[in-house]
Every structure is written in C-alpha cells, then in structure tokens.
Amino acid sequence: MTGGESGGLGDDWASVVRAIEALGPKYPAVNRVISLGLDRAIRILGIRLSGVRGGKVLDAGAGDGSLSVYIQEELGGRCGFLVMLDPSERMIRLAMTRVKRPSSDAVIGVLEYAPFRPSSIGSVFMAFALRDVFSLPDSLERLASILKPGGVFTVIDLAKPDGSLAKAVLSLYWRIVAPFLVASALMKLWREIRMIYPTYLLLPTESELIRRLARYFRLVRVRRLLLGGVHILVLRRPHAQGEE
C-alpha cells in the first residue's frame, strides 16, 4: 500500500486510529462539539442526497456506528443488509451495541483490502472517514471493485476548499478553535482532537479529490456546508461499456 504524498495518511495512519480509539464512547459528543451541533443533520442530509433506497449497504470507516444508525432510521426496512467496516475492533464493538441486528453485520478490516466479492455491494457511505485511510489510491480502487456497476458512493467529509482565504480560515479552525471547543466542553479530549489538524493538512483540495475520484466514479451531486469546510459528494460507479 502507498499513502502519504500519494493521498491518505500513510505513516500517520496508526496514530490517528489510536486517537480515535481513545475517544471511545465520547466520540459522538466530540463530533457534536466540533461540528457546532450539526453532525447528525449533516449525516442525514448525506443519506438523503444519495438517493439510496435500499439493498446491500456498506458503511466504510464506520467508527462507532453513528452513520449506520441514521442509515437504518432513514431507510427502515428497505435497507436489505447493512455492513460496517472499520480497522478498530474497539470502535466496531461500540458500533454493534448501537446498530440493530440481525439486518446488519460488522467486519474488522482496512478499506484497501475490504473482504468483499467484486460488484457485491449496492451502495457505499463514508462519513468523515475517507481522509483517514492509509492509502487513498488503493482505497478508491478497492471501492470501485466491490461496488456494483451503477452503485452509489457517498462521501461526507471535511473539505479543503480551493480558495486560499477559505482554506486559511478552516485551517485556523482545525488547528486552534476545534481543540479549544473540545477542551471547554469535554476537558481532556482536546489532545486527541489535535490529530484532526495534521489529517486536514494532508487532504487534497476539493478539486483534486474530485479529479482522483473521477478515475473510478461519475460525480452526480456536490453539496458544500460550513463555508465549504464540509462537503457531500454523491458519486456513481459507471456501467461497463455496452451495459445498461
């Protein structure tokens, strides 16, 4: 696998995973603080914009299951089967306490080697997880292989705008403001939140990310929120030539 300069966290990946694990059950509360209370609304908006109506759904980088809970709420019985994938056993265990069974399952693993058959997944969601993969090129290639032709891939994540002013404002927010907010509300957890800033620095700009995604997926919809600091990208895996 390749990461770092080619896209993804590379050598920083393990320390970021440890920081997320350290948050444990406080993960939803931290998300609420740093998103200014909009974390739930943003996730639900992403699900609705995806247009997904059911079938086999993968929550890649599921963490504590926050997005999976909303997927089940929004899709109801139409969600044929929900699979959560995450590299952290601790976070998967938390997720399994929150998500309804038996219409779901959980897999411990990395996205670059996601253990699913080719073209076996109907739709994929990633909420605040794509920036945390070890290797972005390998992750996108694997996603494209397991998603069915015509399947939907929805990215809900931090964004790095192309404009220099917006980029500077958001960099300041993740470097100083977000840790301060967490320290004020949740005391000791600011140390873990400091890891967001290095991951933000490694992010490609939005236009560069879309260019990389376009190698495997067709962009269907973009929604920008919070001064462009968060975006929702709805993409579709094209059918092979000659397929309908």
C-alpha atoms as a PDB file:
ATOM      1  CA  MET A   1       0.000   0.000   0.000  1.00  0.00           C
ATOM      2  CA  THR A   2       1.083   3.554  -0.624  1.00  0.00           C
ATOM      3  CA  GLY A   3      -0.013   6.602   1.322  1.00  0.00           C
ATOM      4  CA  GLY A   4       1.187   9.985   2.437  1.00  0.00           C
ATOM      5  CA  GLU A   5       2.173  12.067  -0.582  1.00  0.00           C
ATOM      6  CA  SER A   6       0.079   9.932  -2.947  1.00  0.00           C
ATOM      7  CA  GLY A   7      -3.026  10.515  -0.825  1.00  0.00           C
ATOM      8  CA  GLY A   8      -4.056   9.102   2.538  1.00  0.00           C
ATOM      9  CA  LEU A   9      -2.404   9.217   5.948  1.00  0.00           C
ATOM     10  CA  GLY A  10       0.488   6.884   5.229  1.00  0.00           C
ATOM     11  CA  ASP A  11       2.822   6.706   8.231  1.00  0.00           C
ATOM     12  CA  ASP A  12       0.420   8.814  10.339  1.00  0.00           C
ATOM     13  CA  TRP A  13      -2.389   6.273   9.984  1.00  0.00           C
ATOM     14  CA  ALA A  14      -1.748   4.221  13.141  1.00  0.00           C
ATOM     15  CA  SER A  15      -1.531   7.255  15.426  1.00  0.00           C
ATOM     16  CA  VAL A  16      -4.814   8.617  14.069  1.00  0.00           C
ATOM     17  CA  VAL A  17      -6.542   5.276  14.665  1.00  0.00           C
ATOM     18  CA  ARG A  18      -5.232   5.262  18.246  1.00  0.00           C
ATOM     19  CA  ALA A  19      -6.530   8.802  18.794  1.00  0.00           C
ATOM     20  CA  ILE A  20      -9.997   7.796  17.561  1.00  0.00           C
ATOM     21  CA  GLU A  21      -9.976   4.723  19.799  1.00  0.00           C
ATOM     22  CA  ALA A  22      -9.036   6.906  22.772  1.00  0.00           C
ATOM     23  CA  LEU A  23     -12.278   8.845  22.305  1.00  0.00           C
ATOM     24  CA  GLY A  24     -14.285   5.619  22.630  1.00  0.00           C
ATOM     25  CA  PRO A  25     -17.877   6.275  23.726  1.00  0.00           C
ATOM     26  CA  LYS A  26     -17.164  10.041  23.797  1.00  0.00           C
ATOM     27  CA  TYR A  27     -16.837  10.022  20.002  1.00  0.00           C
ATOM     28  CA  PRO A  28     -20.418  11.242  19.292  1.00  0.00           C
ATOM     29  CA  ALA A  29     -20.119  14.039  21.855  1.00  0.00           C
ATOM     30  CA  VAL A  30     -16.848  15.226  20.342  1.00  0.00           C
ATOM     31  CA  ASN A  31     -18.371  15.189  16.853  1.00  0.00           C
ATOM     32  CA  ARG A  32     -21.265  17.268  18.108  1.00  0.00           C
ATOM     33  CA  VAL A  33     -18.945  19.892  19.589  1.00  0.00           C
ATOM     34  CA  ILE A  34     -16.576  20.290  16.650  1.00  0.00           C
ATOM     35  CA  SER A  35     -19.441  20.329  14.108  1.00  0.00           C
ATOM     36  CA  LEU A  36     -21.220  23.061  16.099  1.00  0.00           C
ATOM     37  CA  GLY A  37     -24.094  20.676  16.749  1.00  0.00           C
ATOM     38  CA  LEU A  38     -24.649  19.829  13.076  1.00  0.00           C
ATOM     39  CA  ASP A  39     -23.121  16.335  12.921  1.00  0.00           C
ATOM     40  CA  ARG A  40     -26.455  14.496  12.903  1.00  0.00           C
ATOM     41  CA  ALA A  41     -28.040  16.845  10.361  1.00  0.00           C
ATOM     42  CA  ILE A  42     -25.037  16.579   8.033  1.00  0.00           C
ATOM     43  CA  ARG A  43     -25.049  12.777   8.088  1.00  0.00           C
ATOM     44  CA  ILE A  44     -28.789  12.578   7.472  1.00  0.00           C
ATOM     45  CA  LEU A  45     -28.529  15.094   4.629  1.00  0.00           C
ATOM     46  CA  GLY A  46     -25.843  12.934   3.030  1.00  0.00           C
ATOM     47  CA  ILE A  47     -28.049   9.848   3.221  1.00  0.00           C
ATOM     48  CA  ARG A  48     -30.977  11.698   1.665  1.00  0.00           C
ATOM     49  CA  LEU A  49     -28.913  13.302  -1.098  1.00  0.00           C
ATOM     50  CA  SER A  50     -27.522   9.884  -2.045  1.00  0.00           C
ATOM     51  CA  GLY A  51     -30.906   8.767  -3.314  1.00  0.00           C
ATOM     52  CA  VAL A  52     -30.196   5.270  -1.975  1.00  0.00           C
ATOM     53  CA  ARG A  53     -33.436   3.409  -1.344  1.00  0.00           C
ATOM     54  CA  GLY A  54     -32.236   0.057  -0.045  1.00  0.00           C
ATOM     55  CA  GLY A  55     -30.234  -3.024  -0.937  1.00  0.00           C
ATOM     56  CA  LYS A  56     -26.873  -4.058   0.483  1.00  0.00           C
ATOM     57  CA  VAL A  57     -25.196  -1.037   2.080  1.00  0.00           C
ATOM     58  CA  LEU A  58     -21.594  -0.671   3.272  1.00  0.00           C
ATOM     59  CA  ASP A  59     -20.640   1.898   5.910  1.00  0.00           C
ATOM     60  CA  ALA A  60     -16.890   2.091   5.298  1.00  0.00           C
ATOM     61  CA  GLY A  61     -14.924   3.528   8.201  1.00  0.00           C
ATOM     62  CA  ALA A  62     -17.982   3.029  10.374  1.00  0.00           C
ATOM     63  CA  GLY A  63     -16.313   4.027  13.641  1.00  0.00           C
ATOM     64  CA  ASP A  64     -18.807   3.893  16.492  1.00  0.00           C
ATOM     65  CA  GLY A  65     -21.736   3.313  14.124  1.00  0.00           C
ATOM     66  CA  SER A  66     -23.112   6.867  14.143  1.00  0.00           C
ATOM     67  CA  LEU A  67     -23.823   6.903  10.406  1.00  0.00           C
ATOM     68  CA  SER A  68     -25.126   3.323  10.398  1.00  0.00           C
ATOM     69  CA  VAL A  69     -27.749   4.243  12.996  1.00  0.00           C
ATOM     70  CA  TYR A  70     -29.038   7.015  10.730  1.00  0.00           C
ATOM     71  CA  ILE A  71     -28.923   4.782   7.641  1.00  0.00           C
ATOM     72  CA  GLN A  72     -31.203   2.302   9.387  1.00  0.00           C
ATOM     73  CA  GLU A  73     -33.503   5.095  10.556  1.00  0.00           C
ATOM     74  CA  GLU A  74     -33.737   6.676   7.100  1.00  0.00           C
ATOM     75  CA  LEU A  75     -34.050   3.503   5.019  1.00  0.00           C
ATOM     76  CA  GLY A  76     -36.052   1.459   7.508  1.00  0.00           C
ATOM     77  CA  GLY A  77     -36.990  -1.972   6.212  1.00  0.00           C
ATOM     78  CA  ARG A  78     -35.758  -1.067   2.726  1.00  0.00           C
ATOM     79  CA  CYS A  79     -32.162  -1.491   3.904  1.00  0.00           C
ATOM     80  CA  GLY A  80     -31.736  -5.114   2.891  1.00  0.00           C
ATOM     81  CA  PHE A  81     -28.464  -5.570   4.757  1.00  0.00           C
ATOM     82  CA  LEU A  82     -26.009  -3.152   6.359  1.00  0.00           C
ATOM     83  CA  VAL A  83     -22.311  -3.955   6.741  1.00  0.00           C
ATOM     84  CA  MET A  84     -19.994  -1.858   8.901  1.00  0.00           C
ATOM     85  CA  LEU A  85     -16.267  -1.905   8.119  1.00  0.00           C
ATOM     86  CA  ASP A  86     -13.616  -0.378  10.386  1.00  0.00           C
ATOM     87  CA  PRO A  87      -9.980  -1.162  11.270  1.00  0.00           C
ATOM     88  CA  SER A  88     -10.591  -0.720  15.008  1.00  0.00           C
ATOM     89  CA  GLU A  89     -12.003  -3.623  16.999  1.00  0.00           C
ATOM     90  CA  ARG A  90     -12.857  -1.256  19.850  1.00  0.00           C
ATOM     91  CA  MET A  91     -14.923   1.040  17.627  1.00  0.00           C
ATOM     92  CA  ILE A  92     -16.665  -1.878  15.926  1.00  0.00           C
ATOM     93  CA  ARG A  93     -17.685  -3.240  19.317  1.00  0.00           C
ATOM     94  CA  LEU A  94     -19.211   0.149  20.156  1.00  0.00           C
ATOM     95  CA  ALA A  95     -20.996   0.205  16.811  1.00  0.00           C
ATOM     96  CA  MET A  96     -22.516  -3.226  17.355  1.00  0.00           C
ATOM     97  CA  THR A  97     -24.141  -2.022  20.585  1.00  0.00           C
ATOM     98  CA  ARG A  98     -25.897   0.792  18.702  1.00  0.00           C
ATOM     99  CA  VAL A  99     -26.958  -0.747  15.402  1.00  0.00           C
ATOM    100  CA  LYS A 100     -29.966  -3.035  15.025  1.00  0.00           C
ATOM    101  CA  ARG A 101     -29.383  -6.723  14.400  1.00  0.00           C
ATOM    102  CA  PRO A 102     -29.880  -9.151  12.634  1.00  0.00           C
ATOM    103  CA  SER A 103     -30.138  -6.964   9.499  1.00  0.00           C
ATOM    104  CA  SER A 104     -26.530  -5.815   9.932  1.00  0.00           C
ATOM    105  CA  ASP A 105     -23.050  -7.160  10.471  1.00  0.00           C
ATOM    106  CA  ALA A 106     -19.593  -5.802  11.208  1.00  0.00           C
ATOM    107  CA  VAL A 107     -16.165  -6.525   9.757  1.00  0.00           C
ATOM    108  CA  ILE A 108     -12.802  -5.516  11.204  1.00  0.00           C
ATOM    109  CA  GLY A 109     -10.501  -4.570   8.365  1.00  0.00           C
ATOM    110  CA  VAL A 110      -8.977  -1.804   6.272  1.00  0.00           C
ATOM    111  CA  LEU A 111     -10.676  -0.410   3.208  1.00  0.00           C
ATOM    112  CA  GLU A 112      -7.684  -1.084   0.985  1.00  0.00           C
ATOM    113  CA  TYR A 113      -8.284  -4.830   1.480  1.00  0.00           C
ATOM    114  CA  ALA A 114     -12.023  -4.818   2.157  1.00  0.00           C
ATOM    115  CA  PRO A 115     -13.035  -8.520   2.211  1.00  0.00           C
ATOM    116  CA  PHE A 116     -15.972  -8.398  -0.202  1.00  0.00           C
ATOM    117  CA  ARG A 117     -16.564 -10.021  -3.575  1.00  0.00           C
ATOM    118  CA  PRO A 118     -16.314  -7.888  -6.702  1.00  0.00           C
ATOM    119  CA  SER A 119     -19.528  -5.992  -7.515  1.00  0.00           C
ATOM    120  CA  SER A 120     -21.229  -7.302  -4.366  1.00  0.00           C
ATOM    121  CA  ILE A 121     -22.171  -4.004  -2.661  1.00  0.00           C
ATOM    122  CA  GLY A 122     -25.124  -1.891  -3.793  1.00  0.00           C
ATOM    123  CA  SER A 123     -24.081   1.383  -2.156  1.00  0.00           C
ATOM    124  CA  VAL A 124     -21.243   2.708  -0.012  1.00  0.00           C
ATOM    125  CA  PHE A 125     -21.241   5.538   2.509  1.00  0.00           C
ATOM    126  CA  MET A 126     -18.206   7.102   4.159  1.00  0.00           C
ATOM    127  CA  ALA A 127     -18.738   9.751   6.843  1.00  0.00           C
ATOM    128  CA  PHE A 128     -15.606  11.611   7.952  1.00  0.00           C
ATOM    129  CA  ALA A 129     -13.534   8.545   7.118  1.00  0.00           C
ATOM    130  CA  LEU A 130     -12.135   8.860   3.593  1.00  0.00           C
ATOM    131  CA  ARG A 131      -9.478  11.333   4.748  1.00  0.00           C
ATOM    132  CA  ASP A 132      -8.316   8.778   7.355  1.00  0.00           C
ATOM    133  CA  VAL A 133      -7.468   5.887   5.035  1.00  0.00           C
ATOM    134  CA  PHE A 134      -3.864   4.722   4.818  1.00  0.00           C
ATOM    135  CA  SER A 135      -3.779   4.948   1.029  1.00  0.00           C
ATOM    136  CA  LEU A 136      -6.314   6.944  -0.952  1.00  0.00           C
ATOM    137  CA  PRO A 137      -5.418   5.417  -4.359  1.00  0.00           C
ATOM    138  CA  ASP A 138      -5.682   1.844  -3.058  1.00  0.00           C
ATOM    139  CA  SER A 139      -8.906   2.594  -1.175  1.00  0.00           C
ATOM    140  CA  LEU A 140     -10.632   4.078  -4.221  1.00  0.00           C
ATOM    141  CA  GLU A 141      -9.516   1.197  -6.416  1.00  0.00           C
ATOM    142  CA  ARG A 142     -10.890  -1.330  -3.927  1.00  0.00           C
ATOM    143  CA  LEU A 143     -14.155   0.568  -3.520  1.00  0.00           C
ATOM    144  CA  ALA A 144     -14.665   0.630  -7.267  1.00  0.00           C
ATOM    145  CA  SER A 145     -14.134  -3.124  -7.456  1.00  0.00           C
ATOM    146  CA  ILE A 146     -16.638  -4.094  -4.739  1.00  0.00           C
ATOM    147  CA  LEU A 147     -19.368  -1.621  -5.738  1.00  0.00           C
ATOM    148  CA  LYS A 148     -21.892  -2.832  -8.282  1.00  0.00           C
ATOM    149  CA  PRO A 149     -21.998  -1.067 -11.662  1.00  0.00           C
ATOM    150  CA  GLY A 150     -24.450   1.783 -11.217  1.00  0.00           C
ATOM    151  CA  GLY A 151     -23.946   1.667  -7.440  1.00  0.00           C
ATOM    152  CA  VAL A 152     -23.759   4.870  -5.396  1.00  0.00           C
ATOM    153  CA  PHE A 153     -20.751   6.029  -3.370  1.00  0.00           C
ATOM    154  CA  THR A 154     -21.478   8.890  -0.964  1.00  0.00           C
ATOM    155  CA  VAL A 155     -18.680  10.819   0.736  1.00  0.00           C
ATOM    156  CA  ILE A 156     -19.463  13.013   3.745  1.00  0.00           C
ATOM    157  CA  ASP A 157     -16.246  14.580   4.945  1.00  0.00           C
ATOM    158  CA  LEU A 158     -14.129  17.575   5.785  1.00  0.00           C
ATOM    159  CA  ALA A 159     -13.179  19.506   2.676  1.00  0.00           C
ATOM    160  CA  LYS A 160     -10.218  21.667   1.775  1.00  0.00           C
ATOM    161  CA  PRO A 161     -11.554  24.454  -0.469  1.00  0.00           C
ATOM    162  CA  ASP A 162      -9.527  25.600  -3.456  1.00  0.00           C
ATOM    163  CA  GLY A 163      -9.804  29.264  -2.413  1.00  0.00           C
ATOM    164  CA  SER A 164      -6.891  30.480  -0.284  1.00  0.00           C
ATOM    165  CA  LEU A 165      -8.999  32.572   2.129  1.00  0.00           C
ATOM    166  CA  ALA A 166     -11.465  29.783   2.953  1.00  0.00           C
ATOM    167  CA  LYS A 167      -8.573  27.350   3.252  1.00  0.00           C
ATOM    168  CA  ALA A 168      -6.794  29.630   5.739  1.00  0.00           C
ATOM    169  CA  VAL A 169      -9.931  30.143   7.848  1.00  0.00           C
ATOM    170  CA  LEU A 170     -10.642  26.416   8.044  1.00  0.00           C
ATOM    171  CA  SER A 171      -7.018  25.603   8.808  1.00  0.00           C
ATOM    172  CA  LEU A 172      -7.207  28.011  11.756  1.00  0.00           C
ATOM    173  CA  TYR A 173     -10.436  26.378  12.914  1.00  0.00           C
ATOM    174  CA  TRP A 174      -8.992  22.856  12.975  1.00  0.00           C
ATOM    175  CA  ARG A 175      -5.661  23.940  14.446  1.00  0.00           C
ATOM    176  CA  ILE A 176      -6.934  26.184  17.267  1.00  0.00           C
ATOM    177  CA  VAL A 177     -10.704  26.622  17.545  1.00  0.00           C
ATOM    178  CA  ALA A 178     -11.825  22.967  17.461  1.00  0.00           C
ATOM    179  CA  PRO A 179      -9.371  21.820  20.189  1.00  0.00           C
ATOM    180  CA  PHE A 180     -10.392  24.825  22.313  1.00  0.00           C
ATOM    181  CA  LEU A 181     -14.100  23.987  21.961  1.00  0.00           C
ATOM    182  CA  VAL A 182     -13.480  20.375  22.932  1.00  0.00           C
ATOM    183  CA  ALA A 183     -11.264  21.387  25.861  1.00  0.00           C
ATOM    184  CA  SER A 184     -14.012  23.727  27.088  1.00  0.00           C
ATOM    185  CA  ALA A 185     -16.768  21.125  26.827  1.00  0.00           C
ATOM    186  CA  LEU A 186     -15.026  17.797  27.371  1.00  0.00           C
ATOM    187  CA  MET A 187     -11.763  18.697  29.119  1.00  0.00           C
ATOM    188  CA  LYS A 188      -9.027  16.102  28.473  1.00  0.00           C
ATOM    189  CA  LEU A 189     -10.114  15.007  24.988  1.00  0.00           C
ATOM    190  CA  TRP A 190      -8.556  18.020  23.252  1.00  0.00           C
ATOM    191  CA  ARG A 191      -5.314  16.055  22.880  1.00  0.00           C
ATOM    192  CA  GLU A 192      -6.981  13.519  20.593  1.00  0.00           C
ATOM    193  CA  ILE A 193      -8.763  16.229  18.600  1.00  0.00           C
ATOM    194  CA  ARG A 194      -5.420  17.833  17.793  1.00  0.00           C
ATOM    195  CA  MET A 195      -4.893  14.918  15.377  1.00  0.00           C
ATOM    196  CA  ILE A 196      -7.559  16.334  13.056  1.00  0.00           C
ATOM    197  CA  TYR A 197      -5.299  19.196  12.006  1.00  0.00           C
ATOM    198  CA  PRO A 198      -2.499  17.001  10.574  1.00  0.00           C
ATOM    199  CA  THR A 199      -5.094  14.967   8.663  1.00  0.00           C
ATOM    200  CA  TYR A 200      -6.554  18.205   7.316  1.00  0.00           C
ATOM    201  CA  LEU A 201      -3.133  19.293   6.070  1.00  0.00           C
ATOM    202  CA  LEU A 202      -2.798  16.004   4.180  1.00  0.00           C
ATOM    203  CA  LEU A 203      -6.173  16.433   2.488  1.00  0.00           C
ATOM    204  CA  PRO A 204      -6.109  17.144  -1.236  1.00  0.00           C
ATOM    205  CA  THR A 205      -8.092  20.201  -2.259  1.00  0.00           C
ATOM    206  CA  GLU A 206     -11.680  19.540  -3.225  1.00  0.00           C
ATOM    207  CA  SER A 207     -10.973  19.841  -6.950  1.00  0.00           C
ATOM    208  CA  GLU A 208      -8.023  17.446  -6.663  1.00  0.00           C
ATOM    209  CA  LEU A 209     -10.071  14.935  -4.676  1.00  0.00           C
ATOM    210  CA  ILE A 210     -12.855  15.047  -7.266  1.00  0.00           C
ATOM    211  CA  ARG A 211     -10.276  14.534 -10.011  1.00  0.00           C
ATOM    212  CA  ARG A 212      -8.993  11.411  -8.253  1.00  0.00           C
ATOM    213  CA  LEU A 213     -12.495  10.104  -7.645  1.00  0.00           C
ATOM    214  CA  ALA A 214     -13.334  10.646 -11.328  1.00  0.00           C
ATOM    215  CA  ARG A 215     -10.908   7.892 -12.263  1.00  0.00           C
ATOM    216  CA  TYR A 216     -13.418   5.361 -10.906  1.00  0.00           C
ATOM    217  CA  PHE A 217     -16.718   7.186 -10.348  1.00  0.00           C
ATOM    218  CA  ARG A 218     -19.004   9.700 -12.022  1.00  0.00           C
ATOM    219  CA  LEU A 219     -19.825  12.727  -9.877  1.00  0.00           C
ATOM    220  CA  VAL A 220     -23.590  13.147  -9.545  1.00  0.00           C
ATOM    221  CA  ARG A 221     -24.011  15.802  -6.869  1.00  0.00           C
ATOM    222  CA  VAL A 222     -21.996  18.136  -4.635  1.00  0.00           C
ATOM    223  CA  ARG A 223     -23.278  19.920  -1.533  1.00  0.00           C
ATOM    224  CA  ARG A 224     -20.982  22.263   0.388  1.00  0.00           C
ATOM    225  CA  LEU A 225     -21.610  23.252   4.006  1.00  0.00           C
ATOM    226  CA  LEU A 226     -19.939  25.377   6.703  1.00  0.00           C
ATOM    227  CA  LEU A 227     -18.041  27.743   4.396  1.00  0.00           C
ATOM    228  CA  GLY A 228     -17.035  24.801   2.244  1.00  0.00           C
ATOM    229  CA  GLY A 229     -15.360  23.093   5.188  1.00  0.00           C
ATOM    230  CA  VAL A 230     -17.613  20.057   4.808  1.00  0.00           C
ATOM    231  CA  HIS A 231     -18.828  18.565   1.565  1.00  0.00           C
ATOM    232  CA  ILE A 232     -21.157  15.803   0.494  1.00  0.00           C
ATOM    233  CA  LEU A 233     -20.151  14.115  -2.755  1.00  0.00           C
ATOM    234  CA  VAL A 234     -22.565  11.702  -4.383  1.00  0.00           C
ATOM    235  CA  LEU A 235     -20.890   9.524  -7.000  1.00  0.00           C
ATOM    236  CA  ARG A 236     -21.881   6.561  -9.112  1.00  0.00           C
ATOM    237  CA  ARG A 237     -19.828   3.698 -10.461  1.00  0.00           C
ATOM    238  CA  PRO A 238     -20.317   3.711 -14.237  1.00  0.00           C
ATOM    239  CA  HIS A 239     -21.611   0.684 -16.075  1.00  0.00           C
ATOM    240  CA  ALA A 240     -19.131  -1.059 -18.313  1.00  0.00           C
ATOM    241  CA  GLN A 241     -19.402  -0.074 -21.957  1.00  0.00           C
ATOM    242  CA  GLY A 242     -22.329  -1.886 -23.514  1.00  0.00           C
ATOM    243  CA  GLU A 243     -24.115  -2.459 -20.177  1.00  0.00           C
ATOM    244  CA  GLU A 244     -27.358  -0.750 -19.253  1.00  0.00           C
END
